[in-house]
């Protein structure tokens, strides 16, 4: 019975960002919703080095820093691709 009570009380905090040293960290699902992207895309950004993931060892969960998510959301100039004819006309 105590286990059920603790589980019920902590459930509301599962969907809340984590605050550590005045930094906000989002869980994977929160980051997905915040960015509006698929899980594969999120982890592709990590693999490309465009996004850093953090872990909380006590819970063995992955988090993403809000400042990093905001940087990823910002608009950036498009990089011209090789063979792009419009690249030289810009």
N, C-alpha and C. Protein backbone atom coordinates (compact mmCIF):
# COMPACT_ATOMS: atom_id res chain seq x y z
N UNK A 1 0.81 -1.19 0.00
CA UNK A 1 0.00 0.00 0.00
C UNK A 1 0.86 1.26 0.00
N UNK A 2 1.92 1.27 0.76
CA UNK A 2 2.82 2.42 0.78
C UNK A 2 3.46 2.61 -0.59
N UNK A 3 3.83 1.52 -1.24
CA UNK A 3 4.43 1.59 -2.58
C UNK A 3 3.47 2.28 -3.55
N UNK A 4 2.21 1.93 -3.52
CA UNK A 4 1.21 2.53 -4.41
C UNK A 4 1.07 4.03 -4.13
N UNK A 5 1.11 4.40 -2.87
CA UNK A 5 1.00 5.80 -2.50
C UNK A 5 2.19 6.60 -3.04
N UNK A 6 3.39 6.09 -2.84
CA UNK A 6 4.60 6.76 -3.33
C UNK A 6 4.57 6.85 -4.85
N UNK A 7 4.18 5.78 -5.49
CA UNK A 7 4.09 5.77 -6.96
C UNK A 7 3.10 6.82 -7.44
N UNK A 8 1.96 6.92 -6.75
CA UNK A 8 0.94 7.91 -7.11
C UNK A 8 1.47 9.34 -6.92
N UNK A 9 2.15 9.58 -5.83
CA UNK A 9 2.65 10.92 -5.52
C UNK A 9 3.76 11.36 -6.46
N UNK A 10 4.60 10.44 -6.89
CA UNK A 10 5.72 10.81 -7.75
C UNK A 10 5.33 10.84 -9.22
N UNK A 11 4.21 10.27 -9.58
CA UNK A 11 3.79 10.23 -10.98
C UNK A 11 3.64 11.63 -11.57
N UNK A 12 3.14 12.58 -10.78
CA UNK A 12 2.93 13.92 -11.29
C UNK A 12 4.25 14.62 -11.62
N UNK A 13 5.36 14.18 -11.02
CA UNK A 13 6.64 14.81 -11.26
C UNK A 13 7.37 14.22 -12.46
N UNK A 14 6.89 13.12 -13.01
CA UNK A 14 7.58 12.49 -14.13
C UNK A 14 7.57 13.38 -15.36
N UNK A 15 6.53 14.18 -15.54
CA UNK A 15 6.43 15.02 -16.72
C UNK A 15 6.93 16.43 -16.51
N UNK A 16 7.66 16.64 -15.43
CA UNK A 16 8.17 17.98 -15.15
C UNK A 16 9.66 18.05 -15.45
N UNK A 17 10.11 19.18 -16.00
CA UNK A 17 11.55 19.34 -16.24
C UNK A 17 12.34 19.25 -14.94
N UNK A 18 13.58 18.87 -15.05
CA UNK A 18 14.48 18.73 -13.93
C UNK A 18 15.29 20.02 -13.80
N UNK A 19 15.36 20.57 -12.61
CA UNK A 19 16.13 21.79 -12.35
C UNK A 19 17.36 21.46 -11.52
N UNK A 20 18.54 21.75 -12.06
CA UNK A 20 19.79 21.53 -11.34
C UNK A 20 20.69 22.73 -11.59
N UNK A 21 21.15 23.37 -10.51
CA UNK A 21 22.06 24.52 -10.60
C UNK A 21 21.57 25.57 -11.60
N UNK A 22 20.30 25.95 -11.48
CA UNK A 22 19.68 26.97 -12.33
C UNK A 22 19.67 26.60 -13.81
N UNK A 23 19.80 25.33 -14.11
CA UNK A 23 19.68 24.84 -15.48
C UNK A 23 18.46 23.94 -15.54
N UNK A 24 17.74 23.99 -16.64
CA UNK A 24 16.56 23.16 -16.83
C UNK A 24 16.89 22.04 -17.80
N UNK A 25 16.51 20.83 -17.42
CA UNK A 25 16.76 19.65 -18.24
C UNK A 25 15.43 18.98 -18.56
N UNK A 26 15.25 18.59 -19.82
CA UNK A 26 14.04 17.92 -20.26
C UNK A 26 14.32 16.44 -20.48
N UNK A 27 13.33 15.62 -20.17
CA UNK A 27 13.44 14.19 -20.47
C UNK A 27 13.34 14.02 -21.99
N UNK A 28 13.56 12.81 -22.44
CA UNK A 28 13.49 12.54 -23.89
C UNK A 28 12.10 12.92 -24.42
N UNK A 29 11.05 12.46 -23.76
CA UNK A 29 9.70 12.75 -24.25
C UNK A 29 9.40 14.24 -24.21
N UNK A 30 9.86 14.93 -23.19
CA UNK A 30 9.66 16.37 -23.12
C UNK A 30 10.42 17.08 -24.24
N UNK A 31 11.64 16.64 -24.52
CA UNK A 31 12.44 17.23 -25.59
C UNK A 31 11.78 16.99 -26.95
N UNK A 32 11.23 15.80 -27.14
CA UNK A 32 10.54 15.50 -28.40
C UNK A 32 9.35 16.43 -28.59
N UNK A 33 8.57 16.62 -27.55
CA UNK A 33 7.41 17.51 -27.63
C UNK A 33 7.84 18.96 -27.83
N UNK A 34 8.89 19.37 -27.14
CA UNK A 34 9.37 20.74 -27.22
C UNK A 34 9.86 21.08 -28.62
N UNK A 35 10.62 20.14 -29.21
CA UNK A 35 11.17 20.38 -30.54
C UNK A 35 10.20 20.01 -31.65
N UNK A 36 9.23 19.15 -31.35
CA UNK A 36 8.29 18.71 -32.37
C UNK A 36 8.93 17.80 -33.40
N UNK A 37 9.83 16.94 -32.94
CA UNK A 37 10.53 16.04 -33.85
C UNK A 37 10.35 14.60 -33.39
N UNK A 38 10.73 13.66 -34.23
CA UNK A 38 10.64 12.24 -33.92
C UNK A 38 11.86 11.81 -33.09
N UNK A 39 11.71 10.71 -32.39
CA UNK A 39 12.80 10.17 -31.56
C UNK A 39 14.05 9.89 -32.40
N UNK A 40 13.87 9.33 -33.59
CA UNK A 40 15.02 9.06 -34.46
C UNK A 40 15.78 10.34 -34.80
N UNK A 41 15.04 11.41 -35.06
CA UNK A 41 15.67 12.69 -35.39
C UNK A 41 16.43 13.24 -34.19
N UNK A 42 15.86 13.13 -33.02
CA UNK A 42 16.53 13.60 -31.80
C UNK A 42 17.87 12.90 -31.62
N UNK A 43 17.86 11.58 -31.73
CA UNK A 43 19.11 10.84 -31.53
C UNK A 43 20.07 11.02 -32.69
N UNK A 44 19.57 11.35 -33.88
CA UNK A 44 20.45 11.68 -35.00
C UNK A 44 21.20 12.97 -34.70
N UNK A 45 20.51 13.94 -34.10
CA UNK A 45 21.16 15.20 -33.72
C UNK A 45 22.24 14.96 -32.67
N UNK A 46 22.00 14.02 -31.77
CA UNK A 46 23.01 13.67 -30.76
C UNK A 46 24.22 13.06 -31.46
N UNK A 47 23.97 12.12 -32.37
CA UNK A 47 25.07 11.44 -33.08
C UNK A 47 25.87 12.42 -33.93
N UNK A 48 25.19 13.41 -34.51
CA UNK A 48 25.86 14.42 -35.34
C UNK A 48 26.66 15.42 -34.49
N UNK A 49 26.45 15.39 -33.17
CA UNK A 49 27.14 16.32 -32.29
C UNK A 49 26.44 17.66 -32.17
N UNK A 50 25.22 17.75 -32.66
CA UNK A 50 24.47 19.01 -32.60
C UNK A 50 23.69 19.15 -31.31
N UNK A 51 23.60 18.07 -30.54
CA UNK A 51 22.86 18.08 -29.29
C UNK A 51 23.55 17.14 -28.31
N UNK A 52 23.71 17.60 -27.08
CA UNK A 52 24.38 16.80 -26.06
C UNK A 52 23.34 16.22 -25.11
N UNK A 53 23.50 14.96 -24.75
CA UNK A 53 22.59 14.34 -23.79
C UNK A 53 23.28 14.21 -22.45
N UNK A 54 22.48 14.26 -21.41
CA UNK A 54 22.96 14.16 -20.03
C UNK A 54 22.22 13.01 -19.36
N UNK A 55 22.88 12.38 -18.41
CA UNK A 55 22.23 11.28 -17.69
C UNK A 55 22.22 11.58 -16.20
N UNK A 56 21.16 11.13 -15.57
CA UNK A 56 21.08 11.18 -14.11
C UNK A 56 21.26 9.74 -13.65
N UNK A 57 22.41 9.45 -13.14
CA UNK A 57 22.76 8.06 -12.84
C UNK A 57 21.83 7.42 -11.82
N UNK A 58 21.33 8.20 -10.89
CA UNK A 58 20.45 7.63 -9.87
C UNK A 58 19.20 7.02 -10.49
N UNK A 59 18.72 7.63 -11.56
CA UNK A 59 17.50 7.14 -12.21
C UNK A 59 17.78 6.47 -13.54
N UNK A 60 19.03 6.55 -14.01
CA UNK A 60 19.41 5.97 -15.29
C UNK A 60 18.53 6.48 -16.43
N UNK A 61 18.32 7.80 -16.45
CA UNK A 61 17.51 8.44 -17.48
C UNK A 61 18.33 9.45 -18.26
N UNK A 62 17.90 9.71 -19.48
CA UNK A 62 18.57 10.67 -20.35
C UNK A 62 17.80 11.98 -20.31
N UNK A 63 18.55 13.09 -20.26
CA UNK A 63 17.96 14.42 -20.25
C UNK A 63 18.69 15.30 -21.26
N UNK A 64 18.00 16.37 -21.67
CA UNK A 64 18.58 17.34 -22.59
C UNK A 64 18.43 18.73 -21.97
N UNK A 65 19.50 19.51 -22.00
CA UNK A 65 19.49 20.84 -21.40
C UNK A 65 18.64 21.79 -22.25
N UNK A 66 17.79 22.55 -21.60
CA UNK A 66 16.89 23.45 -22.30
C UNK A 66 17.66 24.44 -23.17
N UNK A 67 18.77 24.96 -22.69
CA UNK A 67 19.57 25.90 -23.49
C UNK A 67 20.03 25.26 -24.79
N UNK A 68 20.40 23.97 -24.75
CA UNK A 68 20.82 23.26 -25.96
C UNK A 68 19.64 23.05 -26.90
N UNK A 69 18.47 22.76 -26.34
CA UNK A 69 17.27 22.58 -27.17
C UNK A 69 16.90 23.90 -27.84
N UNK A 70 17.01 25.00 -27.10
CA UNK A 70 16.71 26.31 -27.68
C UNK A 70 17.68 26.65 -28.82
N UNK A 71 18.95 26.32 -28.65
CA UNK A 71 19.94 26.57 -29.69
C UNK A 71 19.62 25.76 -30.95
N UNK A 72 19.13 24.57 -30.75
CA UNK A 72 18.77 23.72 -31.89
C UNK A 72 17.54 24.26 -32.61
N UNK A 73 16.65 24.90 -31.87
CA UNK A 73 15.42 25.45 -32.45
C UNK A 73 15.64 26.74 -33.23
N UNK A 74 16.74 27.43 -32.96
CA UNK A 74 16.99 28.72 -33.61
C UNK A 74 17.17 28.54 -35.11
N UNK A 75 16.85 29.60 -35.84
CA UNK A 75 17.07 29.59 -37.28
C UNK A 75 18.55 29.81 -37.56
N UNK A 76 19.06 29.08 -38.52
CA UNK A 76 20.45 29.20 -38.94
C UNK A 76 20.48 29.33 -40.45
N UNK A 77 21.47 30.04 -40.99
CA UNK A 77 21.57 30.11 -42.44
C UNK A 77 21.76 28.71 -43.02
N UNK A 78 21.10 28.46 -44.11
CA UNK A 78 21.25 27.16 -44.78
C UNK A 78 22.63 27.08 -45.40
N UNK A 79 23.24 25.93 -45.25
CA UNK A 79 24.56 25.72 -45.84
C UNK A 79 24.36 25.21 -47.26
N UNK A 80 25.03 25.84 -48.23
CA UNK A 80 24.87 25.35 -49.61
C UNK A 80 25.47 23.97 -49.77
N UNK A 81 24.79 23.12 -50.50
CA UNK A 81 25.28 21.78 -50.76
C UNK A 81 26.10 21.79 -52.05
N UNK A 82 27.02 20.85 -52.15
CA UNK A 82 27.82 20.74 -53.37
C UNK A 82 26.89 20.48 -54.53
N UNK A 83 27.16 21.13 -55.64
CA UNK A 83 26.36 20.92 -56.84
C UNK A 83 25.09 21.73 -56.86
N UNK A 84 24.84 22.51 -55.81
CA UNK A 84 23.64 23.34 -55.76
C UNK A 84 23.88 24.57 -56.63
N UNK A 85 23.12 24.69 -57.71
CA UNK A 85 23.32 25.78 -58.66
C UNK A 85 22.94 27.12 -58.05
N UNK A 86 22.00 27.14 -57.12
CA UNK A 86 21.57 28.39 -56.51
C UNK A 86 22.58 28.91 -55.49
N UNK A 87 23.53 28.08 -55.08
CA UNK A 87 24.50 28.49 -54.07
C UNK A 87 25.36 29.64 -54.54
N UNK A 88 25.74 29.65 -55.83
CA UNK A 88 26.58 30.71 -56.35
C UNK A 88 25.78 31.95 -56.70
N UNK A 89 24.47 31.83 -56.83
CA UNK A 89 23.62 32.97 -57.18
C UNK A 89 23.17 33.76 -55.97
N UNK A 90 23.46 33.30 -54.76
CA UNK A 90 22.97 33.96 -53.55
C UNK A 90 23.72 35.22 -53.25
